[in-house]
Each structure stands twice: as structure tokens, then as C-alpha cells.
Amino acid sequence: MFTAGIFFFIIMLAYDYLKIDWLLLESLKESQENFVYKRRQNYITKKITFLKKNYKRLSFIILACWDPFITTIYFRDGYNKWNKIPNLKTFGIFALSILLSNLVWAILVLGIAVVVS
């Protein structure tokens, strides 16, 4: 788990240092914030905004099980700030998403090992 934390932190440093929106997460967050003011969105952004607003915990769990890096970038405040882990809230998101991801993968691997043996 500690190694995964270091790995994802290094990826986040590279992401913030290069200031390139590899996964279009910053664009998605910008689109969601602008929606509050403009009330215009495309279909996909509208659905993601609805899920994030109404099912924040569920979307966190789904994203954290998939990738802690994406979860942290998506749930940190603001967009296009490239500010790594600026506060305790973001660190908590980072730590909890790594813990959840490792827990899910450990259960999957142990479950497969038990079924196979």
C-alpha cells in the first residue's frame, strides 16, 4: 500500500509539473463549474455532474476502486490549478482512495486464489 501511494504521488507530481490534462479531467471539472453559471452542458457532462452532485460517495467509491490518481485529481478543488495535494481534504481523498483500491484488489486476488486452489 505504501508503494502504491508513492507511485501515485509521483504520477501526480508529473501530472502537475507538466500541466497537461492527459485524461481531460481538468476540462471536465471546468465544464461542470461553468454549467452552474451557463446552464448548458452536453449529455455526458450533464450525467457526470448529476452523479457527482447526487451520488458523491458512490462516485468516489467507483473511481477509487478503479484508480486513486484519477480519483484525487477529479475530487480536488478547482480546475487547472496544478496544485498537487494542497490541503488536508485532498490528502484524505488521496489516502482513502489508495486504501480502498488496495483493499478491493486484495479481496479480488485472494478470492481468485481461493477459487483456483
Foldseek 3Di string as FASTA:
>chain_A
DVVLLVVLLVVLLVCLVVLDPPPCLLVLVVQLVVCVVPVDDDDVSVVVNVCCVPVVVVVLLVVLLVPLNSSLQNPDDHGSPSPRQDDPVSVVSSVVSPVSNVVVVVCVVVVVVVVVD
